[in-house]
Amino acid sequence: MALLIGSIGLVSTVLFGSATSTAPILRRPPALSVGLLILPLYFLVTIAIGWVARRQNPSANAYLNASRSLPLWIVVAAYLAANCGALEIVGLSAMAAQYGVQAFNFYWIGAIPAMVFLANWMMPIYRRSGVRSVPEYLEFRYGPGLRLLNACVLAITMLLLAGISLYAMAQVLLVVIGFSFTTSILLSGGVVLAYVLLGGVKATIYNEVFQLAVMLAGLLPVAILSLRAGVVPAGEQAARWHLWTSMPVASRAAPLDVFGVVVGLGFVLSFSYWCTDFVLMQRAFTARTEKAARQVPLWAGFGKILFSMIVVLPGLAAYRLFPALGHSRRFDQALPALMTISYGPVMLGLGLTALLASLMSGLAANVSAFAAIWTEDIYRSRLARHRSETHYLLIGRISASAAIAISLLTSYIDFLFGSLMEHVQLIFSVFSAPFWAIFLLGMSTRRTTERGAIAGFLTGTTVALLHLAATSLGWLHYGSVMNANFHVAIYAFSSAVVVGWFASSSSSGELSPSVPRLVFRWRSAFHEDANRLLWILSAILLSGCLVLNWIWR
């Protein structure tokens, strides 16, 4: 009933309201307080889910990983919701406002192909090896040294991404309600910490399912209204409406180029994220069977195509309705600002809750991931072995609390960037791209050794950092920060592959006897009858992406 009433108010606002208002903060009408009652109710439900899930954690693994214990539909929803956090909802709507329809590339080029590759080739290796986390696979394939290196880098990455989620939540609360930045991050961090401490990763996953439903209810109407209001720019800015025809093949001076988008985003960054990201793999590993685990990214791929419309269309509309975006307004405020002029009081409360749900799911995922990495991959495996499960549970809860505290500080870093997606892609370019090179070498060939892998990663990261320094000092110039991120990802990946390969060739270390079961089995992927459903789903997803790219070319 609330949704129906809100939809009626929404339509009347679009038809009779001031759709061109550019006020930086919503002037709340008295009736808005009724809509905002949805927000505290949402907070209470998330904490209640954590309270119920606390009884299902008899061991540290159950609290931190919940390996092979959840049904397929729960895992698919959690997998999709974990991705649809700050990185997705606020970040890509800002990308659409800043770069136009190029934001679709993060879905149709930067997600679907990698998800198909994960389902058909990489997931069987993960499941066959019996690992509970990505760093654990690296130990099986290479050795304990690389597992520790990967765990430390992932821990730092999780803290930076958690700070991005807090920053995005603060931007939403600032635009819609007027909360200060500090008040917003303390409130959001406190709620997430409560249910993560209570229920661990299971509470996080069950909350992600609930948050996904809230996201769809609150964001789908504004996407529909954005399309009805018209999002096609005209005149000199018509190029913002084309994916490929207006983009040069290779040009550092352009905002984006085909080489950077296809190779940098479409292969290096997307495959490194979807195939090796700790949070996503942690959710996929909770599926009960290998067949179910392989279906997770494919079913989630259909959700990604839906979210591409829900997220990008409002960003395109916001660019037309708010000329101040990129000047007196930050691009990250595009979606919440659009809601304030499109929704009535009740729907605005639901829309605000939907935004916070998406951001809280990302924050909770990164916090629980940090707790698992620190406890299982660093503390338990290197610092304090053979302790009781109660001890490791305590360490997991302490590390989750520490993650929230540190992320409060890292959230302020985002003020240095024009939009949070520029920050996110920089993190992935520096750290994830070199590790993707190591994963690909390790899974595609038996000759790569731990020594070569470590040398390759360090070289790739060094190249990325030197490139960052060169662009910051003005020695290298790009048409946009995003174009620079795509190019540096290519350079970091390529250098890591070359050095990793040659350093392994010169290494005298012996390979583990278990290596053959940790690399690709190309032929079996095509000949197993049980994979027929996987290939059908894969073909539908890839065909859909080709059609969408042609339509929006």
Protein backbone atom coordinates (compact mmCIF):
# COMPACT_ATOMS: atom_id res chain seq x y z
CA MET A 1 0.00 0.00 0.00
CA ALA A 2 2.84 2.38 0.87
CA LEU A 3 4.45 1.65 -2.49
CA LEU A 4 1.17 2.36 -4.31
CA ILE A 5 0.61 5.64 -2.48
CA GLY A 6 4.22 6.63 -3.09
CA SER A 7 3.95 5.83 -6.80
CA ILE A 8 0.87 8.08 -7.14
CA GLY A 9 2.74 10.90 -5.40
CA LEU A 10 5.77 10.29 -7.58
CA VAL A 11 3.81 10.63 -10.82
CA SER A 12 2.13 13.81 -9.64
CA THR A 13 5.50 15.27 -8.72
CA VAL A 14 6.88 14.61 -12.18
CA LEU A 15 3.78 16.02 -13.89
CA PHE A 16 3.24 19.09 -11.73
CA GLY A 17 6.40 19.59 -9.68
CA SER A 18 9.55 21.57 -10.42
CA ALA A 19 11.65 19.00 -12.25
CA THR A 20 14.46 21.48 -12.80
CA SER A 21 15.19 22.37 -9.22
CA THR A 22 18.87 22.39 -8.37
CA ALA A 23 18.79 23.03 -4.64
CA PRO A 24 21.80 21.31 -3.07
CA ILE A 25 19.84 19.93 -0.12
CA LEU A 26 16.25 18.78 -0.03
CA ARG A 27 13.83 21.26 1.55
CA ARG A 28 11.88 18.69 3.51
CA PRO A 29 8.10 19.10 3.53
CA PRO A 30 6.36 18.18 6.78
CA ALA A 31 5.00 14.98 5.21
CA LEU A 32 8.53 13.73 4.50
CA SER A 33 8.99 12.71 8.12
CA VAL A 34 6.36 10.02 7.51
CA GLY A 35 8.38 8.58 4.63
CA LEU A 36 11.58 8.66 6.65
CA LEU A 37 10.02 6.31 9.21
CA ILE A 38 10.93 3.55 6.76
CA LEU A 39 14.63 4.14 7.46
CA PRO A 40 14.72 3.26 11.20
CA LEU A 41 12.45 0.28 10.50
CA TYR A 42 14.98 -0.92 7.96
CA PHE A 43 17.81 -0.55 10.47
CA LEU A 44 15.87 -2.61 13.02
CA VAL A 45 15.19 -5.40 10.53
CA THR A 46 18.86 -5.69 9.56
CA ILE A 47 19.93 -5.95 13.19
CA ALA A 48 17.18 -8.51 13.84
CA ILE A 49 18.49 -10.66 10.98
CA GLY A 50 21.93 -10.56 12.56
CA TRP A 51 20.44 -11.57 15.92
CA VAL A 52 18.71 -14.61 14.38
CA ALA A 53 21.79 -15.65 12.37
CA ARG A 54 24.05 -15.61 15.44
CA ARG A 55 22.80 -19.06 16.48
CA GLN A 56 24.11 -20.67 13.28
CA ASN A 57 27.82 -20.04 13.91
CA PRO A 58 29.26 -22.92 15.96
CA SER A 59 32.77 -22.47 14.51
CA ALA A 60 35.06 -19.76 13.20
CA ASN A 61 34.60 -21.00 9.61
CA ALA A 62 30.81 -20.81 9.96
CA TYR A 63 31.08 -17.25 11.29
CA LEU A 64 33.68 -16.02 8.78
CA ASN A 65 33.02 -18.02 5.61
CA ALA A 66 29.85 -20.22 5.88
CA SER A 67 31.41 -22.50 3.24
CA ARG A 68 29.09 -24.82 1.26
CA SER A 69 26.06 -24.26 3.47
CA LEU A 70 23.50 -22.10 1.61
CA PRO A 71 20.90 -22.73 -1.13
CA LEU A 72 21.43 -21.43 -4.67
CA TRP A 73 18.84 -18.63 -4.68
CA ILE A 74 20.20 -17.15 -1.45
CA VAL A 75 23.75 -17.22 -2.80
CA VAL A 76 22.75 -15.62 -6.15
CA ALA A 77 20.91 -12.78 -4.42
CA ALA A 78 23.78 -12.18 -1.98
CA TYR A 79 26.35 -12.35 -4.80
CA LEU A 80 24.44 -9.71 -6.76
CA ALA A 81 23.77 -7.50 -3.72
CA ALA A 82 27.42 -7.62 -2.63
CA ASN A 83 28.36 -6.12 -5.97
CA CYS A 84 25.52 -3.57 -5.96
CA GLY A 85 26.94 -1.39 -3.22
CA ALA A 86 28.75 1.93 -3.39
CA LEU A 87 30.67 0.63 -6.40
CA GLU A 88 27.41 0.17 -8.27
CA ILE A 89 24.47 2.39 -7.30
CA VAL A 90 26.06 5.74 -6.47
CA GLY A 91 29.31 5.23 -8.39
CA LEU A 92 27.91 4.23 -11.76
CA SER A 93 25.03 6.70 -11.69
CA ALA A 94 27.75 9.32 -11.17
CA MET A 95 29.69 7.79 -14.07
CA ALA A 96 26.60 8.12 -16.28
CA ALA A 97 26.24 11.78 -15.31
CA GLN A 98 29.94 12.41 -15.95
CA TYR A 99 30.65 10.28 -19.05
CA GLY A 100 27.20 9.54 -20.52
CA VAL A 101 26.22 6.08 -21.76
CA GLN A 102 29.84 4.93 -21.43
CA ALA A 103 28.74 3.81 -17.97
CA PHE A 104 27.01 0.85 -19.68
CA ASN A 105 30.47 -0.49 -20.50
CA PHE A 106 30.95 -1.38 -16.83
CA TYR A 107 28.11 -3.89 -17.26
CA TRP A 108 28.11 -5.17 -20.84
CA ILE A 109 31.90 -5.21 -21.34
CA GLY A 110 33.12 -4.96 -17.75
CA ALA A 111 30.98 -7.69 -16.14
CA ILE A 112 29.15 -10.28 -18.28
CA PRO A 113 32.13 -11.80 -20.20
CA ALA A 114 34.11 -12.20 -16.97
CA MET A 115 31.15 -13.78 -15.16
CA VAL A 116 30.78 -16.32 -17.98
CA PHE A 117 34.50 -17.13 -17.80
CA LEU A 118 34.29 -17.56 -14.02
CA ALA A 119 31.36 -19.97 -14.24
CA ASN A 120 32.79 -22.19 -16.95
CA TRP A 121 36.50 -22.27 -16.19
CA MET A 122 37.62 -20.78 -12.90
CA MET A 123 34.89 -21.92 -10.52
CA PRO A 124 35.56 -25.64 -11.23
CA ILE A 125 39.18 -25.12 -10.21
CA TYR A 126 38.20 -23.35 -7.00
CA ARG A 127 35.71 -26.06 -6.05
CA ARG A 128 37.98 -28.93 -7.08
CA SER A 129 40.77 -27.62 -4.86
CA GLY A 130 38.45 -27.42 -1.81
CA VAL A 131 39.56 -23.91 -0.84
CA ARG A 132 37.52 -21.60 1.39
CA SER A 133 39.06 -18.34 0.15
CA VAL A 134 41.06 -16.86 -2.70
CA PRO A 135 44.30 -16.53 -0.68
CA GLU A 136 44.01 -20.21 0.28
CA TYR A 137 43.97 -21.15 -3.42
CA LEU A 138 47.19 -19.18 -3.93
CA GLU A 139 48.82 -21.17 -1.13
CA PHE A 140 47.78 -24.46 -2.74
CA ARG A 141 48.98 -23.33 -6.17
CA TYR A 142 52.14 -21.44 -5.25
CA GLY A 143 53.00 -21.51 -1.55
CA PRO A 144 52.42 -19.80 1.81
CA GLY A 145 54.45 -16.72 0.89
CA LEU A 146 52.11 -15.66 -1.89
CA ARG A 147 49.06 -16.40 0.25
CA LEU A 148 50.35 -14.01 2.92
CA LEU A 149 51.18 -11.33 0.34
CA ASN A 150 47.73 -11.60 -1.25
CA ALA A 151 45.99 -11.57 2.13
CA CYS A 152 47.80 -8.39 3.20
CA VAL A 153 47.00 -6.61 -0.06
CA LEU A 154 43.36 -7.74 0.09
CA ALA A 155 43.05 -6.54 3.69
CA ILE A 156 44.23 -3.07 2.68
CA THR A 157 41.88 -3.09 -0.32
CA MET A 158 38.89 -4.07 1.83
CA LEU A 159 39.54 -1.17 4.20
CA LEU A 160 39.75 1.31 1.31
CA LEU A 161 36.54 -0.04 -0.28
CA ALA A 162 34.75 0.07 3.08
CA GLY A 163 35.70 3.72 3.35
CA ILE A 164 34.23 4.32 -0.11
CA SER A 165 30.92 2.80 1.03
CA LEU A 166 30.83 5.05 4.08
CA TYR A 167 31.62 8.10 1.97
CA ALA A 168 28.81 7.25 -0.46
CA MET A 169 26.30 6.80 2.39
CA ALA A 170 27.30 10.17 3.78
CA GLN A 171 26.67 11.81 0.39
CA VAL A 172 23.17 10.30 0.25
CA LEU A 173 22.26 11.41 3.78
CA LEU A 174 23.68 14.88 3.11
CA VAL A 175 21.60 15.45 -0.04
CA VAL A 176 18.32 13.96 1.20
CA ILE A 177 18.27 14.71 4.93
CA GLY A 178 21.08 17.19 5.54
CA PHE A 179 23.16 15.10 7.97
CA SER A 180 26.79 16.11 8.32
CA PHE A 181 29.47 13.84 6.90
CA THR A 182 30.71 12.75 10.33
CA THR A 183 27.22 12.02 11.67
CA SER A 184 26.39 9.98 8.57
CA ILE A 185 29.43 7.72 8.67
CA LEU A 186 29.10 7.11 12.42
CA LEU A 187 25.41 6.16 12.09
CA SER A 188 25.91 3.89 9.07
CA GLY A 189 29.04 2.25 10.45
CA GLY A 190 27.35 1.56 13.78
CA VAL A 191 24.37 -0.27 12.22
CA VAL A 192 26.58 -2.42 9.98
CA LEU A 193 28.90 -3.28 12.84
CA ALA A 194 25.95 -4.41 14.98
CA TYR A 195 24.70 -7.10 12.61
CA VAL A 196 28.17 -8.22 11.46
CA LEU A 197 29.22 -8.78 15.08
CA LEU A 198 26.03 -10.70 15.80
CA GLY A 199 25.84 -13.03 12.84
CA GLY A 200 29.07 -12.92 10.85
CA VAL A 201 29.03 -13.64 7.13
CA LYS A 202 25.70 -15.49 7.29
CA ALA A 203 24.01 -12.43 8.76
CA THR A 204 25.68 -10.35 6.06
CA ILE A 205 24.46 -12.68 3.31
CA TYR A 206 20.88 -12.91 4.60
CA ASN A 207 20.82 -9.13 4.97
CA GLU A 208 22.08 -8.78 1.40
CA VAL A 209 19.06 -10.74 0.16
CA PHE A 210 16.75 -8.41 2.09
CA GLN A 211 18.69 -5.37 0.90
CA LEU A 212 18.43 -6.48 -2.73
CA ALA A 213 14.62 -6.51 -2.48
CA VAL A 214 14.64 -3.04 -0.91
CA MET A 215 16.97 -1.75 -3.64
CA LEU A 216 14.68 -2.91 -6.44
CA ALA A 217 11.58 -1.44 -4.77
CA GLY A 218 13.21 1.95 -4.22
CA LEU A 219 15.27 2.36 -7.40
CA LEU A 220 13.18 0.83 -10.18
CA PRO A 221 10.52 3.62 -10.21
CA VAL A 222 13.08 6.42 -10.60
CA ALA A 223 14.69 4.55 -13.51
CA ILE A 224 11.31 4.25 -15.25
CA LEU A 225 10.55 7.92 -14.67
CA SER A 226 13.99 8.90 -15.95
CA LEU A 227 13.29 7.12 -19.22
CA ARG A 228 9.86 8.75 -19.50
CA ALA A 229 11.25 12.20 -18.76
CA GLY A 230 13.81 11.82 -21.53
CA VAL A 231 17.52 11.21 -21.14
CA VAL A 232 18.78 11.71 -24.70
CA PRO A 233 21.03 14.78 -24.97
CA ALA A 234 20.99 16.88 -28.12
CA GLY A 235 23.30 19.17 -30.02
CA GLU A 236 26.96 19.20 -29.14
CA GLN A 237 26.54 16.63 -26.36
CA ALA A 238 24.82 13.99 -28.52
CA ALA A 239 28.06 11.95 -28.38
CA ARG A 240 27.25 11.13 -24.76
CA TRP A 241 24.47 8.90 -26.12
CA HIS A 242 26.79 6.61 -28.17
CA LEU A 243 28.91 3.76 -26.83
CA TRP A 244 31.31 3.21 -29.70
CA THR A 245 30.80 5.48 -32.73
CA SER A 246 32.09 8.59 -30.97
CA MET A 247 35.05 6.90 -29.26
CA PRO A 248 38.58 6.94 -30.77
CA VAL A 249 40.40 3.63 -31.16
CA ALA A 250 43.40 4.69 -29.09
CA SER A 251 43.92 8.15 -27.64
CA ARG A 252 45.21 9.19 -24.25
CA ALA A 253 43.80 12.68 -24.83
CA ALA A 254 40.23 11.40 -25.14
CA PRO A 255 37.98 10.92 -22.10
CA LEU A 256 37.82 7.21 -23.05
CA ASP A 257 39.15 5.15 -25.97
CA VAL A 258 38.33 1.72 -27.43
CA PHE A 259 41.69 0.23 -26.45
CA GLY A 260 41.33 1.25 -22.81
CA VAL A 261 37.69 0.17 -22.54
CA VAL A 262 38.04 -3.22 -24.27
CA VAL A 263 41.43 -4.31 -22.92
CA GLY A 264 41.78 -2.29 -19.71
CA LEU A 265 38.19 -2.52 -18.50
CA GLY A 266 36.81 -5.46 -20.49
CA PHE A 267 39.66 -7.86 -19.81
CA VAL A 268 42.07 -6.76 -17.10
CA LEU A 269 39.90 -4.93 -14.56
CA SER A 270 36.66 -6.87 -15.06
CA PHE A 271 38.28 -10.32 -15.00
CA SER A 272 40.44 -9.40 -12.02
CA TYR A 273 37.33 -8.29 -10.11
CA TRP A 274 34.77 -10.94 -11.05
CA CYS A 275 37.18 -13.91 -11.03
CA THR A 276 39.35 -13.16 -7.98
CA ASP A 277 37.47 -10.68 -5.77
CA PHE A 278 37.47 -12.00 -2.20
CA VAL A 279 33.92 -10.85 -1.37
CA LEU A 280 32.31 -12.33 -4.48
CA MET A 281 34.20 -15.61 -4.21
CA GLN A 282 33.34 -15.82 -0.50
CA ARG A 283 29.65 -15.75 -1.44
CA ALA A 284 29.98 -18.17 -4.35
CA PHE A 285 31.82 -20.66 -2.14
CA THR A 286 28.81 -20.82 0.19
CA ALA A 287 26.81 -22.72 -2.48
CA ARG A 288 26.27 -26.33 -1.48
CA THR A 289 27.40 -28.05 -4.69
CA GLU A 290 29.82 -27.35 -7.52
CA LYS A 291 26.99 -27.21 -10.05
CA ALA A 292 25.19 -24.59 -7.95
CA ALA A 293 28.38 -22.58 -7.43
CA ARG A 294 28.97 -22.43 -11.19
CA GLN A 295 25.43 -21.21 -11.81
CA VAL A 296 25.77 -18.34 -9.32
CA PRO A 297 27.60 -15.83 -11.58
CA LEU A 298 25.41 -16.71 -14.57
CA TRP A 299 22.06 -16.13 -12.86
CA ALA A 300 23.56 -13.00 -11.28
CA GLY A 301 24.53 -11.87 -14.79
CA PHE A 302 20.87 -11.43 -15.72
CA GLY A 303 20.49 -9.24 -12.63
CA LYS A 304 23.46 -7.16 -13.78
CA ILE A 305 21.75 -6.43 -17.09
CA LEU A 306 18.66 -5.25 -15.20
CA PHE A 307 20.75 -3.08 -12.88
CA SER A 308 22.50 -1.48 -15.85
CA MET A 309 19.20 0.20 -16.71
CA ILE A 310 18.22 0.95 -13.11
CA VAL A 311 21.52 2.71 -12.40
CA VAL A 312 22.59 4.37 -15.67
CA LEU A 313 19.30 5.90 -16.85
CA PRO A 314 18.86 8.06 -13.71
CA GLY A 315 22.44 9.27 -14.07
CA LEU A 316 21.77 10.37 -17.64
CA ALA A 317 18.61 12.18 -16.57
CA ALA A 318 20.36 13.86 -13.63
CA TYR A 319 22.97 15.36 -15.98
CA ARG A 320 20.19 17.17 -17.87
CA LEU A 321 18.24 18.27 -14.80
CA PHE A 322 21.19 19.43 -12.64
CA PRO A 323 23.58 21.65 -14.62
CA ALA A 324 25.63 22.18 -11.46
CA LEU A 325 26.86 18.55 -11.49
CA GLY A 326 30.64 18.57 -11.75
CA HIS A 327 30.77 22.20 -10.58
CA SER A 328 29.05 23.15 -7.32
CA ARG A 329 27.67 19.61 -6.96
CA ARG A 330 29.68 16.39 -6.94
CA PHE A 331 28.73 13.77 -9.52
CA ASP A 332 28.23 11.31 -6.65
CA GLN A 333 25.14 13.30 -5.63
CA ALA A 334 23.37 12.71 -8.97
CA LEU A 335 21.05 9.86 -7.98
CA PRO A 336 19.98 11.10 -4.52
CA ALA A 337 19.43 14.60 -5.94
CA LEU A 338 17.21 13.17 -8.69
CA MET A 339 15.14 11.32 -6.09
CA THR A 340 14.47 14.51 -4.16
CA ILE A 341 12.70 16.09 -7.16
CA SER A 342 11.02 12.92 -8.49
CA TYR A 343 9.64 11.17 -5.42
CA GLY A 344 6.86 12.08 -3.06
CA PRO A 345 7.40 11.81 0.72
CA VAL A 346 6.73 8.08 1.15
CA MET A 347 8.60 7.02 -1.96
CA LEU A 348 11.48 9.31 -1.05
CA GLY A 349 11.75 7.50 2.27
CA LEU A 350 11.77 4.18 0.41
CA GLY A 351 14.25 5.49 -2.15
CA LEU A 352 16.59 6.73 0.57
CA THR A 353 16.33 3.36 2.28
CA ALA A 354 17.11 1.62 -1.03
CA LEU A 355 20.25 3.71 -1.53
CA LEU A 356 21.43 3.06 2.00
CA ALA A 357 20.62 -0.65 1.62
CA SER A 358 22.88 -0.88 -1.43
CA LEU A 359 25.67 0.99 0.32
CA MET A 360 25.36 -0.91 3.59
CA SER A 361 25.54 -4.23 1.72
CA GLY A 362 28.86 -3.15 0.22
CA LEU A 363 30.19 -1.93 3.55
CA ALA A 364 29.14 -5.10 5.40
CA ALA A 365 30.64 -7.29 2.68
CA ASN A 366 34.01 -5.56 2.92
CA VAL A 367 34.02 -5.56 6.72
CA SER A 368 33.17 -9.28 6.96
CA ALA A 369 35.76 -9.97 4.25
CA PHE A 370 38.45 -8.12 6.18
CA ALA A 371 37.56 -10.09 9.31
CA ALA A 372 37.85 -13.38 7.41
CA ILE A 373 41.14 -12.41 5.75
CA TRP A 374 42.77 -11.26 8.97
CA THR A 375 41.54 -14.16 11.09
CA GLU A 376 41.90 -17.09 8.67
CA ASP A 377 44.61 -16.07 6.20
CA ILE A 378 46.92 -14.05 8.44
CA TYR A 379 46.30 -14.64 12.15
CA ARG A 380 45.32 -18.33 12.12
CA SER A 381 47.71 -19.48 9.41
CA ARG A 382 50.76 -17.40 10.38
CA LEU A 383 50.54 -15.95 13.89
CA ALA A 384 48.53 -18.23 16.21
CA ARG A 385 47.88 -21.76 15.04
CA HIS A 386 46.02 -24.50 16.91
CA ARG A 387 43.91 -22.22 19.08
CA SER A 388 40.31 -22.94 20.04
CA GLU A 389 37.36 -22.04 17.80
CA THR A 390 36.14 -19.68 20.52
CA HIS A 391 39.43 -17.80 20.32
CA TYR A 392 39.20 -17.38 16.55
CA LEU A 393 35.58 -16.25 16.82
CA LEU A 394 36.69 -13.52 19.23
CA ILE A 395 39.48 -12.45 16.90
CA GLY A 396 37.01 -12.31 14.01
CA ARG A 397 34.69 -9.98 15.93
CA ILE A 398 37.58 -7.76 17.07
CA SER A 399 38.88 -7.47 13.50
CA ALA A 400 35.40 -6.51 12.24
CA SER A 401 35.29 -3.71 14.80
CA ALA A 402 38.76 -2.57 13.78
CA ALA A 403 37.71 -2.57 10.12
CA ILE A 404 34.82 -0.20 10.82
CA ALA A 405 37.06 2.12 12.83
CA ILE A 406 39.73 2.29 10.11
CA SER A 407 37.17 2.72 7.32
CA LEU A 408 35.85 5.81 9.10
CA LEU A 409 39.24 7.35 8.42
CA THR A 410 39.70 6.05 4.86
CA SER A 411 36.30 7.49 3.85
CA TYR A 412 37.84 10.98 3.83
CA ILE A 413 40.23 9.98 1.00
CA ASP A 414 37.34 10.10 -1.49
CA PHE A 415 37.21 13.90 -1.32
CA LEU A 416 40.39 13.86 -3.42
CA PHE A 417 38.56 12.37 -6.44
CA GLY A 418 35.95 13.77 -8.82
CA SER A 419 33.79 10.66 -8.33
CA LEU A 420 34.14 7.55 -6.23
CA MET A 421 34.35 5.27 -9.32
CA GLU A 422 37.63 6.96 -10.21
CA HIS A 423 38.94 6.01 -6.77
CA VAL A 424 37.63 2.44 -7.03
CA GLN A 425 39.17 1.82 -10.45
CA LEU A 426 42.50 3.25 -9.28
CA ILE A 427 42.57 0.74 -6.39
CA PHE A 428 41.82 -2.14 -8.75
CA SER A 429 44.40 -0.94 -11.30
CA VAL A 430 47.21 -0.82 -8.75
CA PHE A 431 46.47 -4.00 -6.77
CA SER A 432 44.00 -6.25 -8.59
CA ALA A 433 45.42 -6.09 -12.12
CA PRO A 434 48.85 -7.55 -11.15
CA PHE A 435 47.21 -10.29 -9.08
CA TRP A 436 44.94 -11.20 -11.99
CA ALA A 437 48.10 -11.74 -14.05
CA ILE A 438 49.39 -14.13 -11.37
CA PHE A 439 46.09 -16.00 -11.19
CA LEU A 440 45.94 -16.36 -14.96
CA LEU A 441 49.51 -17.65 -15.15
CA GLY A 442 48.91 -20.08 -12.31
CA MET A 443 45.66 -21.44 -13.74
CA SER A 444 46.73 -21.67 -17.38
CA THR A 445 50.23 -23.14 -17.04
CA ARG A 446 52.01 -25.49 -14.66
CA ARG A 447 55.42 -23.85 -15.00
CA THR A 448 54.74 -20.68 -12.96
CA THR A 449 56.44 -20.80 -9.55
CA GLU A 450 55.97 -18.87 -6.32
CA ARG A 451 59.16 -16.94 -6.91
CA GLY A 452 58.01 -15.89 -10.37
CA ALA A 453 54.53 -15.00 -9.14
CA ILE A 454 55.82 -12.74 -6.36
CA ALA A 455 58.28 -11.04 -8.74
CA GLY A 456 55.50 -10.50 -11.27
CA PHE A 457 53.09 -9.00 -8.74
CA LEU A 458 55.69 -6.63 -7.27
CA THR A 459 56.72 -5.51 -10.76
CA GLY A 460 53.13 -4.86 -11.85
CA THR A 461 52.31 -2.89 -8.71
CA THR A 462 55.51 -0.86 -9.04
CA VAL A 463 54.68 0.02 -12.65
CA ALA A 464 51.18 1.11 -11.60
CA LEU A 465 52.50 3.29 -8.77
CA LEU A 466 55.14 4.90 -11.02
CA HIS A 467 52.45 5.63 -13.59
CA LEU A 468 50.27 7.18 -10.88
CA ALA A 469 53.17 9.38 -9.79
CA ALA A 470 53.84 10.44 -13.39
CA THR A 471 50.22 11.48 -13.97
CA SER A 472 49.99 13.23 -10.60
CA LEU A 473 53.12 15.26 -11.33
CA GLY A 474 51.91 16.19 -14.80
CA TRP A 475 54.50 14.17 -16.73
CA LEU A 476 51.77 12.10 -18.40
CA HIS A 477 48.46 13.56 -19.53
CA TYR A 478 45.13 11.81 -20.13
CA GLY A 479 41.73 13.04 -21.20
CA SER A 480 40.22 11.79 -17.94
CA VAL A 481 41.18 10.02 -14.73
CA MET A 482 39.16 6.98 -15.84
CA ASN A 483 41.09 6.68 -19.10
CA ALA A 484 44.32 6.79 -17.12
CA ASN A 485 43.05 4.02 -14.82
CA PHE A 486 42.21 1.75 -17.76
CA HIS A 487 45.62 2.26 -19.34
CA VAL A 488 47.60 1.73 -16.16
CA ALA A 489 45.70 -1.52 -15.57
CA ILE A 490 46.95 -2.76 -18.97
CA TYR A 491 50.54 -1.80 -18.19
CA ALA A 492 50.48 -3.34 -14.70
CA PHE A 493 48.95 -6.59 -15.97
CA SER A 494 51.33 -6.91 -18.95
CA SER A 495 54.47 -6.27 -16.90
CA ALA A 496 53.33 -8.75 -14.24
CA VAL A 497 52.76 -11.47 -16.86
CA VAL A 498 56.13 -10.94 -18.55
CA VAL A 499 58.18 -10.80 -15.34
CA GLY A 500 56.22 -13.67 -13.74
CA TRP A 501 56.79 -15.89 -16.75
CA PHE A 502 60.52 -15.23 -17.14
CA ALA A 503 61.23 -15.28 -13.40
CA SER A 504 59.54 -18.70 -13.22
CA SER A 505 61.65 -19.93 -16.14
CA SER A 506 64.84 -19.03 -14.30
CA SER A 507 63.61 -20.43 -10.98
CA SER A 508 64.86 -23.79 -9.75
CA GLY A 509 61.96 -24.37 -7.35
CA GLU A 510 59.91 -27.58 -7.62
CA LEU A 511 56.22 -27.57 -8.35
CA SER A 512 53.76 -29.07 -5.90
CA PRO A 513 52.26 -32.48 -6.89
CA SER A 514 48.80 -30.90 -6.51
CA VAL A 515 49.39 -28.37 -9.31
CA PRO A 516 47.69 -30.44 -12.08
CA ARG A 517 44.30 -30.18 -10.35
CA LEU A 518 44.73 -26.42 -9.87
CA VAL A 519 44.96 -25.47 -13.56
CA PHE A 520 42.41 -25.24 -16.40
CA ARG A 521 40.97 -28.36 -17.98
CA TRP A 522 39.92 -26.83 -21.27
CA ARG A 523 38.53 -29.95 -22.93
CA SER A 524 36.44 -31.15 -19.98
CA ALA A 525 34.63 -27.82 -19.87
CA PHE A 526 33.22 -28.48 -23.35
CA HIS A 527 32.48 -32.19 -23.09
CA GLU A 528 30.70 -32.66 -19.77
CA ASP A 529 26.96 -33.13 -20.30
CA ALA A 530 26.25 -31.66 -16.86
CA ASN A 531 27.47 -28.30 -18.17
CA ARG A 532 24.77 -27.98 -20.85
CA LEU A 533 22.67 -25.60 -18.75
CA LEU A 534 25.75 -23.49 -18.03
CA TRP A 535 26.52 -23.10 -21.71
CA ILE A 536 22.93 -22.21 -22.55
CA LEU A 537 22.88 -19.50 -19.88
CA SER A 538 26.30 -18.27 -21.03
CA ALA A 539 25.17 -18.04 -24.67
CA ILE A 540 22.04 -16.07 -23.73
CA LEU A 541 24.04 -13.60 -21.61
CA LEU A 542 26.73 -13.00 -24.23
CA SER A 543 24.16 -12.66 -27.01
CA GLY A 544 22.22 -10.15 -24.94
CA CYS A 545 25.34 -8.06 -24.42
CA LEU A 546 26.11 -8.05 -28.14
CA VAL A 547 22.59 -6.92 -28.96
CA LEU A 548 22.66 -4.14 -26.34
CA ASN A 549 26.04 -2.91 -27.58
CA TRP A 550 24.67 -2.79 -31.13
CA ILE A 551 21.55 -0.90 -30.10
CA TRP A 552 23.47 1.72 -28.09
CA ARG A 553 26.51 1.83 -30.39
